[in-house]
């Protein structure tokens, strides 16, 4: 989890946005790019991520998902996702 906060600070993306995007990605079984496109198109998803108003730009680059997977071991990444999904 510490890695995520470091990475999100570098990219200027809030942890709420990244975690919310991960929930959307895994609940809807979307690819990295599909997740960002879906969030970009649906206002209530942006609201869930903590955005104050609708924006047409992507919330972050899909490559952030790749960076998170690389920085966390596969086992830790899977455990993280299971914990997120268990709560929702």
N, C-alpha and C. Protein backbone atom coordinates (compact mmCIF):
# COMPACT_ATOMS: atom_id res chain seq x y z
N UNK A 1 0.82 -1.18 0.00
CA UNK A 1 0.00 0.00 0.00
C UNK A 1 0.87 1.26 0.00
N UNK A 2 2.00 1.23 0.67
CA UNK A 2 2.89 2.38 0.70
C UNK A 2 3.33 2.76 -0.71
N UNK A 3 3.58 1.76 -1.55
CA UNK A 3 3.98 2.02 -2.92
C UNK A 3 2.91 2.80 -3.66
N UNK A 4 1.64 2.46 -3.42
CA UNK A 4 0.56 3.14 -4.12
C UNK A 4 0.57 4.62 -3.78
N UNK A 5 0.72 4.97 -2.50
CA UNK A 5 0.67 6.38 -2.16
C UNK A 5 1.85 7.13 -2.75
N UNK A 6 3.02 6.51 -2.80
CA UNK A 6 4.16 7.16 -3.45
C UNK A 6 3.89 7.38 -4.93
N UNK A 7 3.38 6.38 -5.59
CA UNK A 7 3.11 6.48 -7.02
C UNK A 7 2.01 7.49 -7.31
N UNK A 8 0.97 7.50 -6.51
CA UNK A 8 -0.12 8.43 -6.77
C UNK A 8 0.33 9.86 -6.52
N UNK A 9 1.19 10.09 -5.55
CA UNK A 9 1.70 11.44 -5.33
C UNK A 9 2.51 11.92 -6.52
N UNK A 10 3.34 11.05 -7.07
CA UNK A 10 4.15 11.43 -8.23
C UNK A 10 3.28 11.80 -9.42
N UNK A 11 2.21 11.06 -9.62
CA UNK A 11 1.38 11.29 -10.79
C UNK A 11 0.29 12.34 -10.53
N UNK A 12 0.15 12.81 -9.28
CA UNK A 12 -0.85 13.80 -8.95
C UNK A 12 -2.26 13.25 -8.87
N UNK A 13 -2.39 11.94 -8.69
CA UNK A 13 -3.70 11.29 -8.62
C UNK A 13 -3.96 10.91 -7.17
N UNK A 14 -5.15 11.22 -6.68
CA UNK A 14 -5.46 10.91 -5.29
C UNK A 14 -5.63 9.40 -5.10
N UNK A 15 -5.32 8.90 -3.92
CA UNK A 15 -5.53 7.48 -3.64
C UNK A 15 -6.98 7.07 -3.82
N UNK A 16 -7.94 7.95 -3.46
CA UNK A 16 -9.36 7.64 -3.65
C UNK A 16 -9.66 7.37 -5.12
N UNK A 17 -9.08 8.15 -6.00
CA UNK A 17 -9.30 7.97 -7.44
C UNK A 17 -8.75 6.64 -7.91
N UNK A 18 -7.54 6.32 -7.49
CA UNK A 18 -6.91 5.06 -7.93
C UNK A 18 -7.65 3.85 -7.38
N UNK A 19 -7.98 3.86 -6.10
CA UNK A 19 -8.69 2.73 -5.51
C UNK A 19 -10.08 2.59 -6.12
N UNK A 20 -10.76 3.70 -6.32
CA UNK A 20 -12.07 3.66 -6.97
C UNK A 20 -11.98 3.10 -8.38
N UNK A 21 -10.96 3.51 -9.11
CA UNK A 21 -10.77 2.99 -10.47
C UNK A 21 -10.49 1.49 -10.45
N UNK A 22 -9.74 1.03 -9.45
CA UNK A 22 -9.47 -0.40 -9.34
C UNK A 22 -10.75 -1.17 -9.04
N UNK A 23 -11.60 -0.61 -8.20
CA UNK A 23 -12.88 -1.27 -7.91
C UNK A 23 -13.70 -1.40 -9.18
N UNK A 24 -13.80 -0.30 -9.93
CA UNK A 24 -14.54 -0.32 -11.20
C UNK A 24 -13.94 -1.35 -12.15
N UNK A 25 -12.63 -1.34 -12.27
CA UNK A 25 -11.93 -2.26 -13.18
C UNK A 25 -12.25 -3.72 -12.87
N UNK A 26 -12.14 -4.09 -11.61
CA UNK A 26 -12.32 -5.49 -11.25
C UNK A 26 -13.78 -5.90 -11.12
N UNK A 27 -14.64 -5.00 -10.70
CA UNK A 27 -16.06 -5.33 -10.62
C UNK A 27 -16.67 -5.52 -12.01
N UNK A 28 -16.25 -4.67 -12.95
CA UNK A 28 -16.80 -4.75 -14.31
C UNK A 28 -15.95 -5.60 -15.24
N UNK A 29 -14.82 -6.11 -14.72
CA UNK A 29 -13.91 -6.96 -15.50
C UNK A 29 -13.47 -6.27 -16.80
N UNK A 30 -12.93 -5.06 -16.63
CA UNK A 30 -12.49 -4.25 -17.77
C UNK A 30 -10.97 -4.26 -17.88
N UNK A 31 -10.49 -3.97 -19.06
CA UNK A 31 -9.05 -3.78 -19.25
C UNK A 31 -8.67 -2.42 -18.65
N UNK A 32 -7.37 -2.15 -18.58
CA UNK A 32 -6.91 -0.86 -18.06
C UNK A 32 -7.49 0.29 -18.87
N UNK A 33 -7.39 0.20 -20.18
CA UNK A 33 -7.88 1.26 -21.07
C UNK A 33 -9.40 1.39 -20.99
N UNK A 34 -10.11 0.26 -20.99
CA UNK A 34 -11.57 0.29 -20.89
C UNK A 34 -12.02 0.95 -19.59
N UNK A 35 -11.30 0.71 -18.51
CA UNK A 35 -11.64 1.31 -17.23
C UNK A 35 -11.57 2.82 -17.30
N UNK A 36 -10.48 3.34 -17.82
CA UNK A 36 -10.30 4.79 -17.91
C UNK A 36 -11.34 5.40 -18.85
N UNK A 37 -11.63 4.73 -19.96
CA UNK A 37 -12.64 5.23 -20.91
C UNK A 37 -14.03 5.23 -20.28
N UNK A 38 -14.36 4.19 -19.54
CA UNK A 38 -15.66 4.10 -18.88
C UNK A 38 -15.82 5.22 -17.86
N UNK A 39 -14.80 5.44 -17.06
CA UNK A 39 -14.83 6.51 -16.06
C UNK A 39 -14.98 7.86 -16.76
N UNK A 40 -14.28 8.03 -17.85
CA UNK A 40 -14.32 9.28 -18.61
C UNK A 40 -15.72 9.59 -19.13
N UNK A 41 -16.48 8.55 -19.45
CA UNK A 41 -17.79 8.72 -20.08
C UNK A 41 -18.97 8.79 -19.11
N UNK A 42 -18.79 8.32 -17.86
CA UNK A 42 -19.93 8.19 -16.96
C UNK A 42 -19.76 9.11 -15.74
N UNK A 43 -20.57 10.14 -15.66
CA UNK A 43 -20.43 11.13 -14.58
C UNK A 43 -20.52 10.54 -13.16
N UNK A 44 -21.43 9.60 -12.92
CA UNK A 44 -21.55 9.09 -11.55
C UNK A 44 -20.32 8.30 -11.13
N UNK A 45 -19.59 7.72 -12.07
CA UNK A 45 -18.33 7.05 -11.72
C UNK A 45 -17.29 8.08 -11.30
N UNK A 46 -17.27 9.21 -11.99
CA UNK A 46 -16.34 10.27 -11.61
C UNK A 46 -16.68 10.80 -10.21
N UNK A 47 -17.97 10.92 -9.92
CA UNK A 47 -18.40 11.36 -8.60
C UNK A 47 -17.92 10.37 -7.54
N UNK A 48 -18.04 9.07 -7.82
CA UNK A 48 -17.59 8.03 -6.89
C UNK A 48 -16.09 8.15 -6.61
N UNK A 49 -15.34 8.60 -7.61
CA UNK A 49 -13.90 8.74 -7.46
C UNK A 49 -13.51 10.03 -6.73
N UNK A 50 -14.50 10.85 -6.39
CA UNK A 50 -14.23 12.06 -5.62
C UNK A 50 -14.04 13.31 -6.44
N UNK A 51 -14.33 13.24 -7.74
CA UNK A 51 -14.20 14.45 -8.56
C UNK A 51 -15.35 15.39 -8.25
N UNK A 52 -15.08 16.66 -8.20
CA UNK A 52 -16.08 17.67 -7.84
C UNK A 52 -17.04 17.98 -8.99
N UNK A 53 -16.56 17.82 -10.22
CA UNK A 53 -17.40 18.07 -11.39
C UNK A 53 -16.96 17.16 -12.53
N UNK A 54 -17.86 17.00 -13.50
CA UNK A 54 -17.58 16.14 -14.64
C UNK A 54 -16.40 16.69 -15.43
N UNK A 55 -15.51 15.79 -15.84
CA UNK A 55 -14.40 16.19 -16.70
C UNK A 55 -14.30 15.24 -17.88
N UNK A 56 -13.95 15.79 -19.02
CA UNK A 56 -13.85 14.98 -20.23
C UNK A 56 -12.49 14.34 -20.40
N UNK A 57 -11.49 14.82 -19.67
CA UNK A 57 -10.15 14.25 -19.76
C UNK A 57 -10.09 12.96 -18.92
N UNK A 58 -9.20 12.05 -19.28
CA UNK A 58 -9.03 10.83 -18.46
C UNK A 58 -8.59 11.20 -17.05
N UNK A 59 -9.03 10.44 -16.06
CA UNK A 59 -8.65 10.72 -14.67
C UNK A 59 -7.17 10.46 -14.42
N UNK A 60 -6.61 9.50 -15.13
CA UNK A 60 -5.18 9.25 -15.14
C UNK A 60 -4.87 8.34 -16.32
N UNK A 61 -3.60 8.22 -16.64
CA UNK A 61 -3.19 7.37 -17.75
C UNK A 61 -3.32 5.89 -17.35
N UNK A 62 -3.84 5.06 -18.24
CA UNK A 62 -4.00 3.63 -17.91
C UNK A 62 -2.69 2.95 -17.50
N UNK A 63 -1.57 3.52 -17.89
CA UNK A 63 -0.28 2.91 -17.54
C UNK A 63 -0.04 2.92 -16.03
N UNK A 64 -0.79 3.74 -15.26
CA UNK A 64 -0.64 3.72 -13.81
C UNK A 64 -1.00 2.35 -13.25
N UNK A 65 -1.99 1.68 -13.84
CA UNK A 65 -2.33 0.32 -13.41
C UNK A 65 -1.13 -0.61 -13.60
N UNK A 66 -0.44 -0.47 -14.72
CA UNK A 66 0.73 -1.30 -15.01
C UNK A 66 1.82 -1.03 -13.98
N UNK A 67 2.05 0.24 -13.69
CA UNK A 67 3.06 0.62 -12.71
C UNK A 67 2.76 0.01 -11.35
N UNK A 68 1.49 0.06 -10.95
CA UNK A 68 1.12 -0.53 -9.66
C UNK A 68 1.35 -2.04 -9.64
N UNK A 69 1.00 -2.70 -10.74
CA UNK A 69 1.21 -4.16 -10.80
C UNK A 69 2.70 -4.50 -10.75
N UNK A 70 3.53 -3.69 -11.38
CA UNK A 70 4.97 -3.95 -11.38
C UNK A 70 5.59 -3.72 -10.01
N UNK A 71 5.11 -2.70 -9.31
CA UNK A 71 5.71 -2.35 -8.02
C UNK A 71 5.27 -3.27 -6.88
N UNK A 72 4.11 -3.85 -7.02
CA UNK A 72 3.61 -4.79 -6.01
C UNK A 72 3.84 -6.20 -6.56
N UNK A 73 4.14 -7.13 -5.69
CA UNK A 73 4.24 -8.51 -6.15
C UNK A 73 2.86 -8.96 -6.62
N UNK A 74 2.81 -9.95 -7.47
CA UNK A 74 1.53 -10.46 -7.98
C UNK A 74 0.64 -10.91 -6.82
N UNK A 75 1.24 -11.55 -5.83
CA UNK A 75 0.48 -12.03 -4.68
C UNK A 75 -0.11 -10.87 -3.88
N UNK A 76 0.70 -9.85 -3.62
CA UNK A 76 0.24 -8.69 -2.87
C UNK A 76 -0.84 -7.94 -3.66
N UNK A 77 -0.66 -7.80 -4.96
CA UNK A 77 -1.64 -7.12 -5.81
C UNK A 77 -2.98 -7.87 -5.76
N UNK A 78 -2.93 -9.20 -5.86
CA UNK A 78 -4.15 -10.00 -5.80
C UNK A 78 -4.84 -9.89 -4.43
N UNK A 79 -4.04 -9.90 -3.36
CA UNK A 79 -4.61 -9.75 -2.02
C UNK A 79 -5.28 -8.39 -1.86
N UNK A 80 -4.63 -7.37 -2.38
CA UNK A 80 -5.18 -6.01 -2.33
C UNK A 80 -6.52 -5.97 -3.04
N UNK A 81 -6.58 -6.54 -4.25
CA UNK A 81 -7.83 -6.54 -5.01
C UNK A 81 -8.92 -7.35 -4.32
N UNK A 82 -8.56 -8.47 -3.72
CA UNK A 82 -9.54 -9.28 -3.00
C UNK A 82 -10.13 -8.52 -1.81
N UNK A 83 -9.29 -7.77 -1.11
CA UNK A 83 -9.76 -6.98 0.02
C UNK A 83 -10.71 -5.89 -0.46
N UNK A 84 -10.37 -5.26 -1.55
CA UNK A 84 -11.25 -4.22 -2.11
C UNK A 84 -12.59 -4.82 -2.48
N UNK A 85 -12.56 -5.92 -3.22
CA UNK A 85 -13.81 -6.52 -3.69
C UNK A 85 -14.65 -7.08 -2.56
N UNK A 86 -14.01 -7.57 -1.51
CA UNK A 86 -14.74 -8.12 -0.37
C UNK A 86 -15.58 -7.04 0.33
N UNK A 87 -15.09 -5.82 0.29
CA UNK A 87 -15.79 -4.71 0.95
C UNK A 87 -16.94 -4.20 0.11
N UNK A 88 -16.93 -4.52 -1.18
CA UNK A 88 -17.99 -4.02 -2.06
C UNK A 88 -18.73 -5.19 -2.62
